[in-house]
C-alpha cells in the first residue's frame, strides 16, 4: 500500500507512480464515505454542461453492477 502525506496546508502529494498509472490527471474528484477518502481522476466542466447529480449517481451504480 502506498502512502501520501498531508501537509500543514492540507495538500496531499501523491506518489509519482500512482499519478502516472492514472494518466497524469490534473484534477481529481473527491468523496468521503464512512470515514474513507475516495479519490479518482476527474475533469473540470462548466456548470451548464455538467450532468444532473442524480444522473451521475445512477451511472455510478450501473458501473458497480456491471451494467455500464
PDB file of N, CA and C in Angstrom:
ATOM      1  N   UNK A   1       0.853  -1.176   0.000  1.00  0.00           N
ATOM      2  CA  UNK A   1       0.000   0.000   0.000  1.00  0.00           C
ATOM      3  C   UNK A   1       0.897   1.236   0.000  1.00  0.00           C
ATOM      4  N   UNK A   2       0.567   2.177  -0.845  1.00  0.00           N
ATOM      5  CA  UNK A   2       1.331   3.424  -0.926  1.00  0.00           C
ATOM      6  C   UNK A   2       0.726   4.447   0.031  1.00  0.00           C
ATOM      7  N   UNK A   3       1.554   5.382   0.460  1.00  0.00           N
ATOM      8  CA  UNK A   3       1.117   6.405   1.405  1.00  0.00           C
ATOM      9  C   UNK A   3       1.297   7.788   0.783  1.00  0.00           C
ATOM     10  N   UNK A   4       0.475   8.735   1.234  1.00  0.00           N
ATOM     11  CA  UNK A   4       0.601  10.134   0.851  1.00  0.00           C
ATOM     12  C   UNK A   4       0.573  10.945   2.140  1.00  0.00           C
ATOM     13  N   UNK A   5       1.349  12.016   2.180  1.00  0.00           N
ATOM     14  CA  UNK A   5       1.436  12.842   3.381  1.00  0.00           C
ATOM     15  C   UNK A   5       0.579  14.094   3.225  1.00  0.00           C
ATOM     16  N   UNK A   6      -0.194  14.410   4.267  1.00  0.00           N
ATOM     17  CA  UNK A   6      -0.987  15.629   4.302  1.00  0.00           C
ATOM     18  C   UNK A   6      -0.127  16.731   4.902  1.00  0.00           C
ATOM     19  N   UNK A   7       0.054  17.829   4.163  1.00  0.00           N
ATOM     20  CA  UNK A   7       0.889  18.932   4.639  1.00  0.00           C
ATOM     21  C   UNK A   7       0.098  19.850   5.562  1.00  0.00           C
ATOM     22  N   UNK A   8       0.785  20.808   6.154  1.00  0.00           N
ATOM     23  CA  UNK A   8       0.133  21.779   7.039  1.00  0.00           C
ATOM     24  C   UNK A   8      -0.865  22.655   6.284  1.00  0.00           C
ATOM     25  N   UNK A   9      -0.758  22.677   4.955  1.00  0.00           N
ATOM     26  CA  UNK A   9      -1.688  23.447   4.119  1.00  0.00           C
ATOM     27  C   UNK A   9      -2.784  22.554   3.538  1.00  0.00           C
ATOM     28  N   UNK A  10      -2.975  21.368   4.120  1.00  0.00           N
ATOM     29  CA  UNK A  10      -3.995  20.408   3.677  1.00  0.00           C
ATOM     30  C   UNK A  10      -3.807  19.964   2.234  1.00  0.00           C
ATOM     31  N   UNK A  11      -2.575  19.804   1.821  1.00  0.00           N
ATOM     32  CA  UNK A  11      -2.272  19.322   0.477  1.00  0.00           C
ATOM     33  C   UNK A  11      -1.719  17.909   0.563  1.00  0.00           C
ATOM     34  N   UNK A  12      -2.133  17.063  -0.387  1.00  0.00           N
ATOM     35  CA  UNK A  12      -1.608  15.704  -0.485  1.00  0.00           C
ATOM     36  C   UNK A  12      -0.653  15.625  -1.662  1.00  0.00           C
ATOM     37  N   UNK A  13       0.465  14.980  -1.458  1.00  0.00           N
ATOM     38  CA  UNK A  13       1.381  14.699  -2.557  1.00  0.00           C
ATOM     39  C   UNK A  13       1.239  13.226  -2.879  1.00  0.00           C
ATOM     40  N   UNK A  14       0.779  12.945  -4.085  1.00  0.00           N
ATOM     41  CA  UNK A  14       0.578  11.560  -4.496  1.00  0.00           C
ATOM     42  C   UNK A  14       1.870  10.987  -5.053  1.00  0.00           C
ATOM     43  N   UNK A  15       2.133   9.713  -4.800  1.00  0.00           N
ATOM     44  CA  UNK A  15       3.328   9.094  -5.369  1.00  0.00           C
ATOM     45  C   UNK A  15       3.317   9.179  -6.896  1.00  0.00           C
ATOM     46  N   UNK A  16       4.473   9.443  -7.469  1.00  0.00           N
ATOM     47  CA  UNK A  16       4.604   9.612  -8.917  1.00  0.00           C
ATOM     48  C   UNK A  16       4.055   8.405  -9.674  1.00  0.00           C
ATOM     49  N   UNK A  17       4.348   7.210  -9.210  1.00  0.00           N
ATOM     50  CA  UNK A  17       3.884   6.001  -9.901  1.00  0.00           C
ATOM     51  C   UNK A  17       2.360   5.923  -9.936  1.00  0.00           C
ATOM     52  N   UNK A  18       1.714   6.384  -8.883  1.00  0.00           N
ATOM     53  CA  UNK A  18       0.249   6.369  -8.834  1.00  0.00           C
ATOM     54  C   UNK A  18      -0.318   7.329  -9.867  1.00  0.00           C
ATOM     55  N   UNK A  19       0.217   8.542  -9.898  1.00  0.00           N
ATOM     56  CA  UNK A  19      -0.269   9.552 -10.846  1.00  0.00           C
ATOM     57  C   UNK A  19      -0.031   9.099 -12.285  1.00  0.00           C
ATOM     58  N   UNK A  20       1.140   8.555 -12.562  1.00  0.00           N
ATOM     59  CA  UNK A  20       1.437   8.081 -13.919  1.00  0.00           C
ATOM     60  C   UNK A  20       0.519   6.932 -14.320  1.00  0.00           C
ATOM     61  N   UNK A  21       0.202   6.051 -13.386  1.00  0.00           N
ATOM     62  CA  UNK A  21      -0.688   4.927 -13.686  1.00  0.00           C
ATOM     63  C   UNK A  21      -2.091   5.405 -14.048  1.00  0.00           C
ATOM     64  N   UNK A  22      -2.453   6.595 -13.570  1.00  0.00           N
ATOM     65  CA  UNK A  22      -3.770   7.168 -13.864  1.00  0.00           C
ATOM     66  C   UNK A  22      -3.756   8.057 -15.099  1.00  0.00           C
ATOM     67  N   UNK A  23      -2.618   8.192 -15.745  1.00  0.00           N
ATOM     68  CA  UNK A  23      -2.529   9.034 -16.933  1.00  0.00           C
ATOM     69  C   UNK A  23      -2.193  10.477 -16.622  1.00  0.00           C
ATOM     70  N   UNK A  24      -1.598  10.739 -15.474  1.00  0.00           N
ATOM     71  CA  UNK A  24      -1.177  12.079 -15.052  1.00  0.00           C
ATOM     72  C   UNK A  24      -2.301  13.111 -15.098  1.00  0.00           C
ATOM     73  N   UNK A  25      -3.438  12.833 -14.450  1.00  0.00           N
ATOM     74  CA  UNK A  25      -4.540  13.807 -14.444  1.00  0.00           C
ATOM     75  C   UNK A  25      -4.169  15.055 -13.645  1.00  0.00           C
ATOM     76  N   UNK A  26      -4.769  16.185 -13.984  1.00  0.00           N
ATOM     77  CA  UNK A  26      -4.512  17.443 -13.279  1.00  0.00           C
ATOM     78  C   UNK A  26      -5.557  17.696 -12.195  1.00  0.00           C
ATOM     79  N   UNK A  27      -6.716  17.080 -12.310  1.00  0.00           N
ATOM     80  CA  UNK A  27      -7.793  17.285 -11.339  1.00  0.00           C
ATOM     81  C   UNK A  27      -8.317  15.931 -10.871  1.00  0.00           C
ATOM     82  N   UNK A  28      -8.785  15.918  -9.639  1.00  0.00           N
ATOM     83  CA  UNK A  28      -9.335  14.703  -9.058  1.00  0.00           C
ATOM     84  C   UNK A  28     -10.676  15.007  -8.423  1.00  0.00           C
ATOM     85  N   UNK A  29     -11.549  14.049  -8.461  1.00  0.00           N
ATOM     86  CA  UNK A  29     -12.822  14.141  -7.756  1.00  0.00           C
ATOM     87  C   UNK A  29     -12.605  13.500  -6.392  1.00  0.00           C
ATOM     88  N   UNK A  30     -13.259  14.045  -5.378  1.00  0.00           N
ATOM     89  CA  UNK A  30     -13.040  13.600  -4.010  1.00  0.00           C
ATOM     90  C   UNK A  30     -14.383  13.338  -3.340  1.00  0.00           C
ATOM     91  N   UNK A  31     -14.429  12.260  -2.570  1.00  0.00           N
ATOM     92  CA  UNK A  31     -15.618  11.934  -1.797  1.00  0.00           C
ATOM     93  C   UNK A  31     -15.157  11.248  -0.515  1.00  0.00           C
ATOM     94  N   UNK A  32     -15.867  11.490   0.571  1.00  0.00           N
ATOM     95  CA  UNK A  32     -15.603  10.783   1.819  1.00  0.00           C
ATOM     96  C   UNK A  32     -16.811   9.902   2.088  1.00  0.00           C
ATOM     97  N   UNK A  33     -16.560   8.615   2.311  1.00  0.00           N
ATOM     98  CA  UNK A  33     -17.641   7.660   2.550  1.00  0.00           C
ATOM     99  C   UNK A  33     -17.256   6.777   3.733  1.00  0.00           C
ATOM    100  N   UNK A  34     -18.038   6.834   4.801  1.00  0.00           N
ATOM    101  CA  UNK A  34     -17.775   6.040   6.010  1.00  0.00           C
ATOM    102  C   UNK A  34     -16.336   6.203   6.506  1.00  0.00           C
ATOM    103  N   UNK A  35     -15.841   7.441   6.509  1.00  0.00           N
ATOM    104  CA  UNK A  35     -14.504   7.714   7.016  1.00  0.00           C
ATOM    105  C   UNK A  35     -13.372   7.364   6.072  1.00  0.00           C
ATOM    106  N   UNK A  36     -13.710   7.005   4.832  1.00  0.00           N
ATOM    107  CA  UNK A  36     -12.700   6.642   3.833  1.00  0.00           C
ATOM    108  C   UNK A  36     -12.665   7.716   2.757  1.00  0.00           C
ATOM    109  N   UNK A  37     -11.472   8.193   2.427  1.00  0.00           N
ATOM    110  CA  UNK A  37     -11.293   9.177   1.365  1.00  0.00           C
ATOM    111  C   UNK A  37     -11.232   8.453   0.028  1.00  0.00           C
ATOM    112  N   UNK A  38     -12.127   8.803  -0.879  1.00  0.00           N
ATOM    113  CA  UNK A  38     -12.139   8.246  -2.230  1.00  0.00           C
ATOM    114  C   UNK A  38     -11.661   9.326  -3.183  1.00  0.00           C
ATOM    115  N   UNK A  39     -10.750   8.984  -4.038  1.00  0.00           N
ATOM    116  CA  UNK A  39     -10.126   9.945  -4.942  1.00  0.00           C
ATOM    117  C   UNK A  39     -10.013   9.298  -6.305  1.00  0.00           C
ATOM    118  N   UNK A  40     -10.541   9.959  -7.352  1.00  0.00           N
ATOM    119  CA  UNK A  40     -10.424   9.409  -8.694  1.00  0.00           C
ATOM    120  C   UNK A  40     -10.243  10.535  -9.694  1.00  0.00           C
ATOM    121  N   UNK A  41      -9.604  10.222 -10.833  1.00  0.00           N
ATOM    122  CA  UNK A  41      -9.352  11.261 -11.832  1.00  0.00           C
ATOM    123  C   UNK A  41     -10.655  11.910 -12.273  1.00  0.00           C
ATOM    124  N   UNK A  42     -10.623  13.206 -12.433  1.00  0.00           N
ATOM    125  CA  UNK A  42     -11.798  13.934 -12.881  1.00  0.00           C
ATOM    126  C   UNK A  42     -11.383  15.041 -13.813  1.00  0.00           C
ATOM    127  N   UNK A  43     -12.361  15.769 -14.284  1.00  0.00           N
ATOM    128  CA  UNK A  43     -12.069  16.908 -15.145  1.00  0.00           C
ATOM    129  C   UNK A  43     -13.033  18.021 -14.792  1.00  0.00           C
ATOM    130  N   UNK A  44     -12.597  19.242 -14.999  1.00  0.00           N
ATOM    131  CA  UNK A  44     -13.452  20.386 -14.737  1.00  0.00           C
ATOM    132  C   UNK A  44     -14.399  20.577 -15.908  1.00  0.00           C
ATOM    133  N   UNK A  45     -15.650  20.884 -15.599  1.00  0.00           N
ATOM    134  CA  UNK A  45     -16.632  21.177 -16.637  1.00  0.00           C
ATOM    135  C   UNK A  45     -17.393  22.429 -16.234  1.00  0.00           C
ATOM    136  N   UNK A  46     -17.899  23.114 -17.211  1.00  0.00           N
ATOM    137  CA  UNK A  46     -18.743  24.272 -16.974  1.00  0.00           C
ATOM    138  C   UNK A  46     -20.027  23.786 -16.294  1.00  0.00           C
ATOM    139  N   UNK A  47     -20.520  24.528 -15.313  1.00  0.00           N
ATOM    140  CA  UNK A  47     -21.722  24.114 -14.590  1.00  0.00           C
ATOM    141  C   UNK A  47     -22.894  23.872 -15.538  1.00  0.00           C
ATOM    142  N   UNK A  48     -22.992  24.664 -16.601  1.00  0.00           N
ATOM    143  CA  UNK A  48     -24.090  24.497 -17.555  1.00  0.00           C
ATOM    144  C   UNK A  48     -23.975  23.182 -18.321  1.00  0.00           C
ATOM    145  N   UNK A  49     -22.750  22.665 -18.461  1.00  0.00           N
ATOM    146  CA  UNK A  49     -22.528  21.422 -19.192  1.00  0.00           C
ATOM    147  C   UNK A  49     -22.529  20.190 -18.289  1.00  0.00           C
ATOM    148  N   UNK A  50     -22.518  20.406 -16.982  1.00  0.00           N
ATOM    149  CA  UNK A  50     -22.421  19.284 -16.043  1.00  0.00           C
ATOM    150  C   UNK A  50     -23.728  18.507 -16.007  1.00  0.00           C
ATOM    151  N   UNK A  51     -23.632  17.187 -15.892  1.00  0.00           N
ATOM    152  CA  UNK A  51     -24.850  16.382 -15.787  1.00  0.00           C
ATOM    153  C   UNK A  51     -25.520  16.612 -14.440  1.00  0.00           C
ATOM    154  N   UNK A  52     -26.793  16.315 -14.376  1.00  0.00           N
ATOM    155  CA  UNK A  52     -27.538  16.421 -13.127  1.00  0.00           C
ATOM    156  C   UNK A  52     -26.958  15.409 -12.133  1.00  0.00           C
ATOM    157  N   UNK A  53     -26.768  15.779 -10.853  1.00  0.00           N
ATOM    158  CA  UNK A  53     -26.167  14.859  -9.880  1.00  0.00           C
ATOM    159  C   UNK A  53     -26.867  13.508  -9.790  1.00  0.00           C
ATOM    160  N   UNK A  54     -28.182  13.472  -9.939  1.00  0.00           N
ATOM    161  CA  UNK A  54     -28.904  12.197  -9.866  1.00  0.00           C
ATOM    162  C   UNK A  54     -28.492  11.273 -11.000  1.00  0.00           C
ATOM    163  N   UNK A  55     -28.242  11.821 -12.177  1.00  0.00           N
ATOM    164  CA  UNK A  55     -27.806  11.007 -13.314  1.00  0.00           C
ATOM    165  C   UNK A  55     -26.433  10.422 -13.035  1.00  0.00           C
ATOM    166  N   UNK A  56     -25.578  11.184 -12.381  1.00  0.00           N
ATOM    167  CA  UNK A  56     -24.233  10.703 -12.058  1.00  0.00           C
ATOM    168  C   UNK A  56     -24.306   9.530 -11.086  1.00  0.00           C
ATOM    169  N   UNK A  57     -25.178   9.616 -10.098  1.00  0.00           N
ATOM    170  CA  UNK A  57     -25.334   8.527  -9.133  1.00  0.00           C
ATOM    171  C   UNK A  57     -25.833   7.277  -9.840  1.00  0.00           C
ATOM    172  N   UNK A  58     -26.791   7.427 -10.743  1.00  0.00           N
ATOM    173  CA  UNK A  58     -27.306   6.279 -11.486  1.00  0.00           C
ATOM    174  C   UNK A  58     -26.209   5.658 -12.338  1.00  0.00           C
ATOM    175  N   UNK A  59     -25.397   6.482 -13.009  1.00  0.00           N
ATOM    176  CA  UNK A  59     -24.296   5.969 -13.827  1.00  0.00           C
ATOM    177  C   UNK A  59     -23.308   5.197 -12.965  1.00  0.00           C
ATOM    178  N   UNK A  60     -22.999   5.739 -11.790  1.00  0.00           N
ATOM    179  CA  UNK A  60     -22.049   5.094 -10.889  1.00  0.00           C
ATOM    180  C   UNK A  60     -22.578   3.750 -10.423  1.00  0.00           C
ATOM    181  N   UNK A  61     -23.839   3.689 -10.085  1.00  0.00           N
ATOM    182  CA  UNK A  61     -24.433   2.428  -9.633  1.00  0.00           C
ATOM    183  C   UNK A  61     -24.471   1.407 -10.757  1.00  0.00           C
ATOM    184  N   UNK A  62     -24.741   1.851 -11.964  1.00  0.00           N
ATOM    185  CA  UNK A  62     -24.765   0.929 -13.103  1.00  0.00           C
ATOM    186  C   UNK A  62     -23.380   0.340 -13.332  1.00  0.00           C
ATOM    187  N   UNK A  63     -22.335   1.155 -13.193  1.00  0.00           N
ATOM    188  CA  UNK A  63     -20.967   0.647 -13.354  1.00  0.00           C
ATOM    189  C   UNK A  63     -20.643  -0.373 -12.271  1.00  0.00           C
ATOM    190  N   UNK A  64     -21.096  -0.113 -11.047  1.00  0.00           N
ATOM    191  CA  UNK A  64     -20.840  -1.045  -9.952  1.00  0.00           C
ATOM    192  C   UNK A  64     -21.559  -2.367 -10.186  1.00  0.00           C
ATOM    193  N   UNK A  65     -22.717  -2.312 -10.798  1.00  0.00           N
ATOM    194  CA  UNK A  65     -23.493  -3.520 -11.083  1.00  0.00           C
ATOM    195  C   UNK A  65     -23.023  -4.221 -12.343  1.00  0.00           C
ATOM    196  N   UNK A  66     -22.034  -3.645 -13.025  1.00  0.00           N
ATOM    197  CA  UNK A  66     -21.524  -4.232 -14.257  1.00  0.00           C
ATOM    198  C   UNK A  66     -22.384  -3.950 -15.466  1.00  0.00           C
ATOM    199  N   UNK A  67     -23.235  -2.932 -15.368  1.00  0.00           N
ATOM    200  CA  UNK A  67     -24.137  -2.601 -16.474  1.00  0.00           C
ATOM    201  C   UNK A  67     -23.675  -1.382 -17.256  1.00  0.00           C
ATOM    202  N   UNK A  68     -22.555  -0.782 -16.862  1.00  0.00           N
ATOM    203  CA  UNK A  68     -22.142   0.460 -17.516  1.00  0.00           C
ATOM    204  C   UNK A  68     -20.884   0.364 -18.269  1.00  0.00           C
TER     205      UNK A  68
END
